[in-house]
Amino acid sequence: MGDKLVRISDDFYNVRGSFKVARLVDIGTQASLVRRAGGGWLMLDSYTLKGEVLDQVMALTDDGRAIEAILHLHPFHTVHVKRGAEQFPHARQYGTDRHTRKAPDLPWQPERTDQPACHALFADDLDFSVPAGVDFVPDNEHLHFASVLAFHRASRTLHVDDTLMYSKLPLVGGLSFHPTLKRVLQRRAGAAAEFRAWAEGLIERCAQVEQICPAHTHLPPRATEPEGVALQVRAALDAVRKMLDAHERANG
């Protein structure tokens, strides 16, 4: 996949980048650039910018000086963390505990991106949501389900890594929860119910969303029907309903 900068609105741009599994299959990755109400910029996740995309981002952000902070939202998306900090040295760095362990030499802010204290810092521009009932950082590092979802109210855009995915495949394509959900649900009574309640809240929140920016594969088209994104998330929840029921029976 070639790198490109996608304009979602004047205040939200999505970087579609490259990420190869086993150096062979390019499943893509992302970062997003959000203009704050006060005029500064935030970067959601990090990606090593280069070429035309780097030039475009620098032109938007006063050669990077206007990027106030980089918010690292997925605990397992760490490949570009150090390079992103080098490219934008003026930006404050916010991450999860796993980000700070992987790059302990960076000047991390004390607030963690999966915690309310961090969310409060950016509440004028963004809403955040963290999946419930699942292991945010599981022991098995191949299970990349959970991330911090970021909603940009001004552009009606949701930035999400892995937790929700989008595919253009015929018949089985569309929006879905990451296939590792079953394996990260906590093995205790009530975990599936907590996830359902979180997902129902997500559906309600997505009634105000028109564009989803997922990390991998494709950028879905902007919703044109009222509550179109909410209906897509509802379908994704319906697709895992039987699995959640089975988890409740096994852990009741």
C-alpha atoms as a PDB file:
ATOM      1  CA  MET A   1       0.000   0.000   0.000  1.00  0.00           C
ATOM      2  CA  GLY A   2       1.351   3.397  -0.918  1.00  0.00           C
ATOM      3  CA  ASP A   3       1.312   6.079   1.763  1.00  0.00           C
ATOM      4  CA  LYS A   4      -1.324   8.763   1.332  1.00  0.00           C
ATOM      5  CA  LEU A   5      -2.989  11.540   3.286  1.00  0.00           C
ATOM      6  CA  VAL A   6      -6.789  11.442   3.121  1.00  0.00           C
ATOM      7  CA  ARG A   7      -8.717  14.615   3.892  1.00  0.00           C
ATOM      8  CA  ILE A   8     -11.782  13.735   5.961  1.00  0.00           C
ATOM      9  CA  SER A   9     -12.495  17.405   6.711  1.00  0.00           C
ATOM     10  CA  ASP A  10     -10.518  20.620   7.109  1.00  0.00           C
ATOM     11  CA  ASP A  11      -9.909  19.549  10.710  1.00  0.00           C
ATOM     12  CA  PHE A  12      -9.248  15.816  10.290  1.00  0.00           C
ATOM     13  CA  TYR A  13      -6.775  14.028   8.019  1.00  0.00           C
ATOM     14  CA  ASN A  14      -6.055  10.309   7.975  1.00  0.00           C
ATOM     15  CA  VAL A  15      -2.657   8.900   7.025  1.00  0.00           C
ATOM     16  CA  ARG A  16      -2.935   5.523   5.309  1.00  0.00           C
ATOM     17  CA  GLY A  17       0.422   3.808   5.753  1.00  0.00           C
ATOM     18  CA  SER A  18       2.149   0.520   5.110  1.00  0.00           C
ATOM     19  CA  PHE A  19       2.639  -2.367   7.535  1.00  0.00           C
ATOM     20  CA  LYS A  20       3.828  -5.738   6.272  1.00  0.00           C
ATOM     21  CA  VAL A  21       3.242  -8.995   8.117  1.00  0.00           C
ATOM     22  CA  ALA A  22       6.300 -11.225   7.842  1.00  0.00           C
ATOM     23  CA  ARG A  23       7.615  -8.621   5.366  1.00  0.00           C
ATOM     24  CA  LEU A  24       5.262 -10.039   2.744  1.00  0.00           C
ATOM     25  CA  VAL A  25       1.591  -9.124   3.195  1.00  0.00           C
ATOM     26  CA  ASP A  26       0.865  -5.420   3.510  1.00  0.00           C
ATOM     27  CA  ILE A  27      -2.162  -4.995   5.789  1.00  0.00           C
ATOM     28  CA  GLY A  28      -1.635  -1.260   6.180  1.00  0.00           C
ATOM     29  CA  THR A  29      -1.679   0.962   9.235  1.00  0.00           C
ATOM     30  CA  GLN A  30      -2.731   4.506  10.072  1.00  0.00           C
ATOM     31  CA  ALA A  31      -2.306   7.711  11.992  1.00  0.00           C
ATOM     32  CA  SER A  32      -4.649  10.695  12.075  1.00  0.00           C
ATOM     33  CA  LEU A  33      -4.107  14.425  12.272  1.00  0.00           C
ATOM     34  CA  VAL A  34      -6.714  16.446  14.185  1.00  0.00           C
ATOM     35  CA  ARG A  35      -6.954  20.227  14.304  1.00  0.00           C
ATOM     36  CA  ARG A  36      -7.972  21.446  17.761  1.00  0.00           C
ATOM     37  CA  ALA A  37     -10.573  24.146  18.279  1.00  0.00           C
ATOM     38  CA  GLY A  38      -7.758  26.456  19.400  1.00  0.00           C
ATOM     39  CA  GLY A  39      -5.860  25.951  16.137  1.00  0.00           C
ATOM     40  CA  GLY A  40      -3.159  23.485  17.215  1.00  0.00           C
ATOM     41  CA  TRP A  41      -2.957  19.905  16.026  1.00  0.00           C
ATOM     42  CA  LEU A  42      -2.958  16.451  17.603  1.00  0.00           C
ATOM     43  CA  MET A  43      -1.676  13.239  16.064  1.00  0.00           C
ATOM     44  CA  LEU A  44      -3.556  10.052  16.877  1.00  0.00           C
ATOM     45  CA  ASP A  45      -1.065   7.167  16.790  1.00  0.00           C
ATOM     46  CA  SER A  46       2.299   7.473  15.110  1.00  0.00           C
ATOM     47  CA  TYR A  47       3.642   6.671  11.678  1.00  0.00           C
ATOM     48  CA  THR A  48       6.989   7.418  10.038  1.00  0.00           C
ATOM     49  CA  LEU A  49       6.029  10.058   7.508  1.00  0.00           C
ATOM     50  CA  LYS A  50       8.001  10.426   4.308  1.00  0.00           C
ATOM     51  CA  GLY A  51       7.863  11.873   0.838  1.00  0.00           C
ATOM     52  CA  GLU A  52       4.730  13.698  -0.289  1.00  0.00           C
ATOM     53  CA  VAL A  53       2.758  12.772   2.848  1.00  0.00           C
ATOM     54  CA  LEU A  54       5.456  14.270   5.081  1.00  0.00           C
ATOM     55  CA  ASP A  55       5.466  17.432   2.970  1.00  0.00           C
ATOM     56  CA  GLN A  56       1.683  17.703   3.205  1.00  0.00           C
ATOM     57  CA  VAL A  57       1.648  17.252   6.980  1.00  0.00           C
ATOM     58  CA  MET A  58       4.438  19.772   7.456  1.00  0.00           C
ATOM     59  CA  ALA A  59       2.565  22.301   5.318  1.00  0.00           C
ATOM     60  CA  LEU A  60      -0.553  21.893   7.463  1.00  0.00           C
ATOM     61  CA  THR A  61       1.258  22.107  10.806  1.00  0.00           C
ATOM     62  CA  ASP A  62       3.846  24.892  10.459  1.00  0.00           C
ATOM     63  CA  ASP A  63       6.641  22.398   9.782  1.00  0.00           C
ATOM     64  CA  GLY A  64       5.370  20.215  12.625  1.00  0.00           C
ATOM     65  CA  ARG A  65       5.612  22.917  15.277  1.00  0.00           C
ATOM     66  CA  ALA A  66       1.820  23.122  15.586  1.00  0.00           C
ATOM     67  CA  ILE A  67       1.502  19.441  16.544  1.00  0.00           C
ATOM     68  CA  GLU A  68       0.953  19.764  20.278  1.00  0.00           C
ATOM     69  CA  ALA A  69       0.798  16.087  21.194  1.00  0.00           C
ATOM     70  CA  ILE A  70       0.910  12.540  19.855  1.00  0.00           C
ATOM     71  CA  LEU A  71      -1.628  10.207  21.439  1.00  0.00           C
ATOM     72  CA  HIS A  72      -0.644   6.543  21.092  1.00  0.00           C
ATOM     73  CA  LEU A  73      -3.928   4.665  21.327  1.00  0.00           C
ATOM     74  CA  HIS A  74      -3.116   1.004  20.694  1.00  0.00           C
ATOM     75  CA  PRO A  75      -0.780  -0.674  23.202  1.00  0.00           C
ATOM     76  CA  PHE A  76       0.621  -2.982  20.528  1.00  0.00           C
ATOM     77  CA  HIS A  77       1.176  -0.342  17.851  1.00  0.00           C
ATOM     78  CA  THR A  78       4.727   0.602  18.818  1.00  0.00           C
ATOM     79  CA  VAL A  79       6.815   0.262  15.644  1.00  0.00           C
ATOM     80  CA  HIS A  80       6.758   3.972  14.766  1.00  0.00           C
ATOM     81  CA  VAL A  81       6.715   5.486  18.253  1.00  0.00           C
ATOM     82  CA  LYS A  82      10.375   6.528  18.461  1.00  0.00           C
ATOM     83  CA  ARG A  83      10.589   7.790  14.883  1.00  0.00           C
ATOM     84  CA  GLY A  84       7.402   9.795  15.302  1.00  0.00           C
ATOM     85  CA  ALA A  85       8.842  11.470  18.383  1.00  0.00           C
ATOM     86  CA  GLU A  86      11.972  12.332  16.409  1.00  0.00           C
ATOM     87  CA  GLN A  87       9.976  13.816  13.539  1.00  0.00           C
ATOM     88  CA  PHE A  88       7.912  15.998  15.878  1.00  0.00           C
ATOM     89  CA  PRO A  89      10.152  16.810  18.847  1.00  0.00           C
ATOM     90  CA  HIS A  90       7.885  19.617  20.051  1.00  0.00           C
ATOM     91  CA  ALA A  91       4.921  17.260  20.531  1.00  0.00           C
ATOM     92  CA  ARG A  92       4.106  15.901  23.975  1.00  0.00           C
ATOM     93  CA  GLN A  93       4.002  12.100  24.054  1.00  0.00           C
ATOM     94  CA  TYR A  94       1.060  10.241  25.597  1.00  0.00           C
ATOM     95  CA  GLY A  95       0.789   6.466  25.578  1.00  0.00           C
ATOM     96  CA  THR A  96      -0.285   3.360  27.472  1.00  0.00           C
ATOM     97  CA  ASP A  97       1.912   1.628  30.019  1.00  0.00           C
ATOM     98  CA  ARG A  98       3.119  -0.722  27.283  1.00  0.00           C
ATOM     99  CA  HIS A  99       4.264   2.191  25.117  1.00  0.00           C
ATOM    100  CA  THR A 100       6.336   3.554  27.979  1.00  0.00           C
ATOM    101  CA  ARG A 101       7.922   0.145  28.577  1.00  0.00           C
ATOM    102  CA  LYS A 102       8.792  -0.265  24.911  1.00  0.00           C
ATOM    103  CA  ALA A 103      10.297   3.220  24.592  1.00  0.00           C
ATOM    104  CA  PRO A 104      11.404   4.194  28.116  1.00  0.00           C
ATOM    105  CA  ASP A 105      13.811   6.847  26.842  1.00  0.00           C
ATOM    106  CA  LEU A 106      11.037   9.100  25.469  1.00  0.00           C
ATOM    107  CA  PRO A 107       9.743  12.012  27.559  1.00  0.00           C
ATOM    108  CA  TRP A 108       6.330  10.504  28.316  1.00  0.00           C
ATOM    109  CA  GLN A 109       3.618  12.538  29.984  1.00  0.00           C
ATOM    110  CA  PRO A 110       2.294  10.963  33.199  1.00  0.00           C
ATOM    111  CA  GLU A 111      -1.283  10.599  31.944  1.00  0.00           C
ATOM    112  CA  ARG A 112      -2.021   7.318  30.129  1.00  0.00           C
ATOM    113  CA  THR A 113      -4.167   7.301  26.985  1.00  0.00           C
ATOM    114  CA  ASP A 114      -6.426   4.556  28.327  1.00  0.00           C
ATOM    115  CA  GLN A 115      -7.209   6.508  31.499  1.00  0.00           C
ATOM    116  CA  PRO A 116      -9.761   9.289  32.238  1.00  0.00           C
ATOM    117  CA  ALA A 117      -7.071  11.769  33.349  1.00  0.00           C
ATOM    118  CA  CYS A 118      -5.665  11.828  29.814  1.00  0.00           C
ATOM    119  CA  HIS A 119      -9.102  11.953  28.203  1.00  0.00           C
ATOM    120  CA  ALA A 120      -9.935  15.029  30.245  1.00  0.00           C
ATOM    121  CA  LEU A 121      -6.954  16.891  28.784  1.00  0.00           C
ATOM    122  CA  PHE A 122      -8.399  16.665  25.275  1.00  0.00           C
ATOM    123  CA  ALA A 123     -12.117  16.696  26.090  1.00  0.00           C
ATOM    124  CA  ASP A 124     -12.675  19.970  24.216  1.00  0.00           C
ATOM    125  CA  ASP A 125     -11.991  18.182  20.933  1.00  0.00           C
ATOM    126  CA  LEU A 126     -12.236  14.426  21.443  1.00  0.00           C
ATOM    127  CA  ASP A 127     -14.274  11.757  23.198  1.00  0.00           C
ATOM    128  CA  PHE A 128     -12.629   8.454  24.101  1.00  0.00           C
ATOM    129  CA  SER A 129     -13.828   4.925  24.762  1.00  0.00           C
ATOM    130  CA  VAL A 130     -12.001   1.848  26.064  1.00  0.00           C
ATOM    131  CA  PRO A 131     -13.536  -1.639  25.545  1.00  0.00           C
ATOM    132  CA  ALA A 132     -14.871  -3.265  28.720  1.00  0.00           C
ATOM    133  CA  GLY A 133     -14.777  -6.920  29.744  1.00  0.00           C
ATOM    134  CA  VAL A 134     -11.577  -7.657  27.827  1.00  0.00           C
ATOM    135  CA  ASP A 135      -7.857  -7.726  28.625  1.00  0.00           C
ATOM    136  CA  PHE A 136      -6.494  -4.412  27.382  1.00  0.00           C
ATOM    137  CA  VAL A 137      -2.941  -5.845  27.271  1.00  0.00           C
ATOM    138  CA  PRO A 138      -3.211  -9.649  27.250  1.00  0.00           C
ATOM    139  CA  ASP A 139      -0.284 -11.897  28.120  1.00  0.00           C
ATOM    140  CA  ASN A 140      -0.393 -13.289  24.585  1.00  0.00           C
ATOM    141  CA  GLU A 141       1.067 -10.420  22.560  1.00  0.00           C
ATOM    142  CA  HIS A 142      -0.473 -11.708  19.338  1.00  0.00           C
ATOM    143  CA  LEU A 143      -3.949 -10.717  20.560  1.00  0.00           C
ATOM    144  CA  HIS A 144      -4.406  -7.120  19.434  1.00  0.00           C
ATOM    145  CA  PHE A 145      -8.088  -6.511  20.078  1.00  0.00           C
ATOM    146  CA  ALA A 146      -8.264  -3.629  22.510  1.00  0.00           C
ATOM    147  CA  SER A 147      -7.388  -0.018  21.778  1.00  0.00           C
ATOM    148  CA  VAL A 148      -8.569   3.429  22.807  1.00  0.00           C
ATOM    149  CA  LEU A 149     -11.245   4.655  20.409  1.00  0.00           C
ATOM    150  CA  ALA A 150     -11.151   8.401  19.684  1.00  0.00           C
ATOM    151  CA  PHE A 151     -14.180  10.352  18.450  1.00  0.00           C
ATOM    152  CA  HIS A 152     -13.594  13.741  16.840  1.00  0.00           C
ATOM    153  CA  ARG A 153     -16.868  15.579  17.273  1.00  0.00           C
ATOM    154  CA  ALA A 154     -16.262  18.406  14.778  1.00  0.00           C
ATOM    155  CA  SER A 155     -15.719  16.076  11.809  1.00  0.00           C
ATOM    156  CA  ARG A 156     -17.997  13.262  13.094  1.00  0.00           C
ATOM    157  CA  THR A 157     -15.083  10.841  12.711  1.00  0.00           C
ATOM    158  CA  LEU A 158     -14.059   7.759  14.710  1.00  0.00           C
ATOM    159  CA  HIS A 159     -10.393   6.737  14.778  1.00  0.00           C
ATOM    160  CA  VAL A 160     -10.040   3.098  15.843  1.00  0.00           C
ATOM    161  CA  ASP A 161      -7.187   0.571  15.776  1.00  0.00           C
ATOM    162  CA  ASP A 162      -7.971  -3.134  15.420  1.00  0.00           C
ATOM    163  CA  THR A 163     -10.984  -3.190  17.779  1.00  0.00           C
ATOM    164  CA  LEU A 164     -13.156  -2.536  14.737  1.00  0.00           C
ATOM    165  CA  MET A 165     -12.022  -3.572  11.275  1.00  0.00           C
ATOM    166  CA  TYR A 166     -13.326  -2.979   7.771  1.00  0.00           C
ATOM    167  CA  SER A 167     -13.023  -5.226   4.747  1.00  0.00           C
ATOM    168  CA  LYS A 168     -14.099  -4.908   1.121  1.00  0.00           C
ATOM    169  CA  LEU A 169     -14.345  -8.680   0.656  1.00  0.00           C
ATOM    170  CA  PRO A 170     -17.546  -9.727  -1.109  1.00  0.00           C
ATOM    171  CA  LEU A 171     -20.257 -11.412   0.993  1.00  0.00           C
ATOM    172  CA  VAL A 172     -18.219 -11.412   4.223  1.00  0.00           C
ATOM    173  CA  GLY A 173     -16.922  -7.836   4.071  1.00  0.00           C
ATOM    174  CA  GLY A 174     -17.964  -4.766   6.006  1.00  0.00           C
ATOM    175  CA  LEU A 175     -17.380  -3.655   9.575  1.00  0.00           C
ATOM    176  CA  SER A 176     -16.569  -6.272  12.218  1.00  0.00           C
ATOM    177  CA  PHE A 177     -14.977  -6.687  15.606  1.00  0.00           C
ATOM    178  CA  HIS A 178     -11.408  -7.951  15.522  1.00  0.00           C
ATOM    179  CA  PRO A 179     -11.396 -11.787  15.365  1.00  0.00           C
ATOM    180  CA  THR A 180      -9.363 -12.060  18.590  1.00  0.00           C
ATOM    181  CA  LEU A 181     -12.325 -10.857  20.701  1.00  0.00           C
ATOM    182  CA  LYS A 182     -13.167 -14.384  21.881  1.00  0.00           C
ATOM    183  CA  ARG A 183      -9.634 -14.884  23.182  1.00  0.00           C
ATOM    184  CA  VAL A 184      -9.352 -11.590  25.069  1.00  0.00           C
ATOM    185  CA  LEU A 185     -12.691 -11.734  26.881  1.00  0.00           C
ATOM    186  CA  GLN A 186     -11.884 -12.068  30.552  1.00  0.00           C
ATOM    187  CA  ARG A 187     -12.565 -15.539  31.947  1.00  0.00           C
ATOM    188  CA  ARG A 188     -14.986 -14.499  34.644  1.00  0.00           C
ATOM    189  CA  ALA A 189     -18.681 -14.032  35.212  1.00  0.00           C
ATOM    190  CA  GLY A 190     -19.985 -10.767  33.841  1.00  0.00           C
ATOM    191  CA  ALA A 191     -17.214 -10.101  31.321  1.00  0.00           C
ATOM    192  CA  ALA A 192     -19.383 -10.754  28.254  1.00  0.00           C
ATOM    193  CA  ALA A 193     -22.178  -8.640  29.727  1.00  0.00           C
ATOM    194  CA  GLU A 194     -19.732  -5.785  30.308  1.00  0.00           C
ATOM    195  CA  PHE A 195     -18.560  -6.023  26.709  1.00  0.00           C
ATOM    196  CA  ARG A 196     -22.157  -6.015  25.438  1.00  0.00           C
ATOM    197  CA  ALA A 197     -22.948  -2.932  27.504  1.00  0.00           C
ATOM    198  CA  TRP A 198     -19.830  -1.196  26.182  1.00  0.00           C
ATOM    199  CA  ALA A 199     -20.752  -2.128  22.602  1.00  0.00           C
ATOM    200  CA  GLU A 200     -24.297  -0.832  23.075  1.00  0.00           C
ATOM    201  CA  GLY A 201     -22.832   2.451  24.276  1.00  0.00           C
ATOM    202  CA  LEU A 202     -20.567   2.488  21.239  1.00  0.00           C
ATOM    203  CA  ILE A 203     -23.560   2.006  18.961  1.00  0.00           C
ATOM    204  CA  GLU A 204     -25.321   4.921  20.624  1.00  0.00           C
ATOM    205  CA  ARG A 205     -22.213   7.093  20.264  1.00  0.00           C
ATOM    206  CA  CYS A 206     -21.810   6.142  16.608  1.00  0.00           C
ATOM    207  CA  ALA A 207     -25.184   7.662  15.786  1.00  0.00           C
ATOM    208  CA  GLN A 208     -23.144  10.886  15.572  1.00  0.00           C
ATOM    209  CA  VAL A 209     -20.356   9.356  13.453  1.00  0.00           C
ATOM    210  CA  GLU A 210     -20.168   9.548   9.663  1.00  0.00           C
ATOM    211  CA  GLN A 211     -16.609   8.328   9.002  1.00  0.00           C
ATOM    212  CA  ILE A 212     -14.645   5.466  10.563  1.00  0.00           C
ATOM    213  CA  CYS A 213     -10.851   5.345  10.199  1.00  0.00           C
ATOM    214  CA  PRO A 214      -9.677   1.792  11.029  1.00  0.00           C
ATOM    215  CA  ALA A 215      -6.016   0.859  11.253  1.00  0.00           C
ATOM    216  CA  HIS A 216      -5.690  -1.919   8.724  1.00  0.00           C
ATOM    217  CA  THR A 217      -6.972  -2.958   5.293  1.00  0.00           C
ATOM    218  CA  HIS A 218      -9.280  -0.298   3.851  1.00  0.00           C
ATOM    219  CA  LEU A 219     -10.793   3.066   4.673  1.00  0.00           C
ATOM    220  CA  PRO A 220     -14.574   2.584   4.444  1.00  0.00           C
ATOM    221  CA  PRO A 221     -16.726   5.067   2.556  1.00  0.00           C
ATOM    222  CA  ARG A 222     -18.337   7.883   4.505  1.00  0.00           C
ATOM    223  CA  ALA A 223     -21.822   6.996   5.731  1.00  0.00           C
ATOM    224  CA  THR A 224     -24.558   8.780   3.813  1.00  0.00           C
ATOM    225  CA  GLU A 225     -27.600   7.429   5.670  1.00  0.00           C
ATOM    226  CA  PRO A 226     -28.638   8.676   9.136  1.00  0.00           C
ATOM    227  CA  GLU A 227     -27.074   6.476  11.837  1.00  0.00           C
ATOM    228  CA  GLY A 228     -25.403   4.422   9.086  1.00  0.00           C
ATOM    229  CA  VAL A 229     -22.265   3.796  11.164  1.00  0.00           C
ATOM    230  CA  ALA A 230     -24.337   2.866  14.210  1.00  0.00           C
ATOM    231  CA  LEU A 231     -26.160   0.258  12.128  1.00  0.00           C
ATOM    232  CA  GLN A 232     -22.838  -1.167  10.952  1.00  0.00           C
ATOM    233  CA  VAL A 233     -21.602  -1.494  14.533  1.00  0.00           C
ATOM    234  CA  ARG A 234     -24.938  -3.107  15.469  1.00  0.00           C
ATOM    235  CA  ALA A 235     -24.380  -5.690  12.742  1.00  0.00           C
ATOM    236  CA  ALA A 236     -20.860  -6.316  14.054  1.00  0.00           C
ATOM    237  CA  LEU A 237     -22.258  -6.932  17.550  1.00  0.00           C
ATOM    238  CA  ASP A 238     -24.955  -9.229  16.175  1.00  0.00           C
ATOM    239  CA  ALA A 239     -22.235 -11.275  14.456  1.00  0.00           C
ATOM    240  CA  VAL A 240     -20.561 -12.079  17.811  1.00  0.00           C
ATOM    241  CA  ARG A 241     -23.747 -12.511  19.833  1.00  0.00           C
ATOM    242  CA  LYS A 242     -23.629 -16.323  19.887  1.00  0.00           C
ATOM    243  CA  MET A 243     -20.000 -16.279  20.973  1.00  0.00           C
ATOM    244  CA  LEU A 244     -20.831 -13.873  23.804  1.00  0.00           C
ATOM    245  CA  ASP A 245     -23.762 -16.072  24.863  1.00  0.00           C
ATOM    246  CA  ALA A 246     -21.477 -19.107  24.973  1.00  0.00           C
ATOM    247  CA  HIS A 247     -18.932 -17.194  27.039  1.00  0.00           C
ATOM    248  CA  GLU A 248     -21.619 -16.231  29.546  1.00  0.00           C
ATOM    249  CA  ARG A 249     -22.768 -19.841  29.891  1.00  0.00           C
ATOM    250  CA  ALA A 250     -19.213 -21.093  30.363  1.00  0.00           C
ATOM    251  CA  ASN A 251     -18.277 -18.453  32.928  1.00  0.00           C
ATOM    252  CA  GLY A 252     -21.590 -17.883  34.672  1.00  0.00           C
END
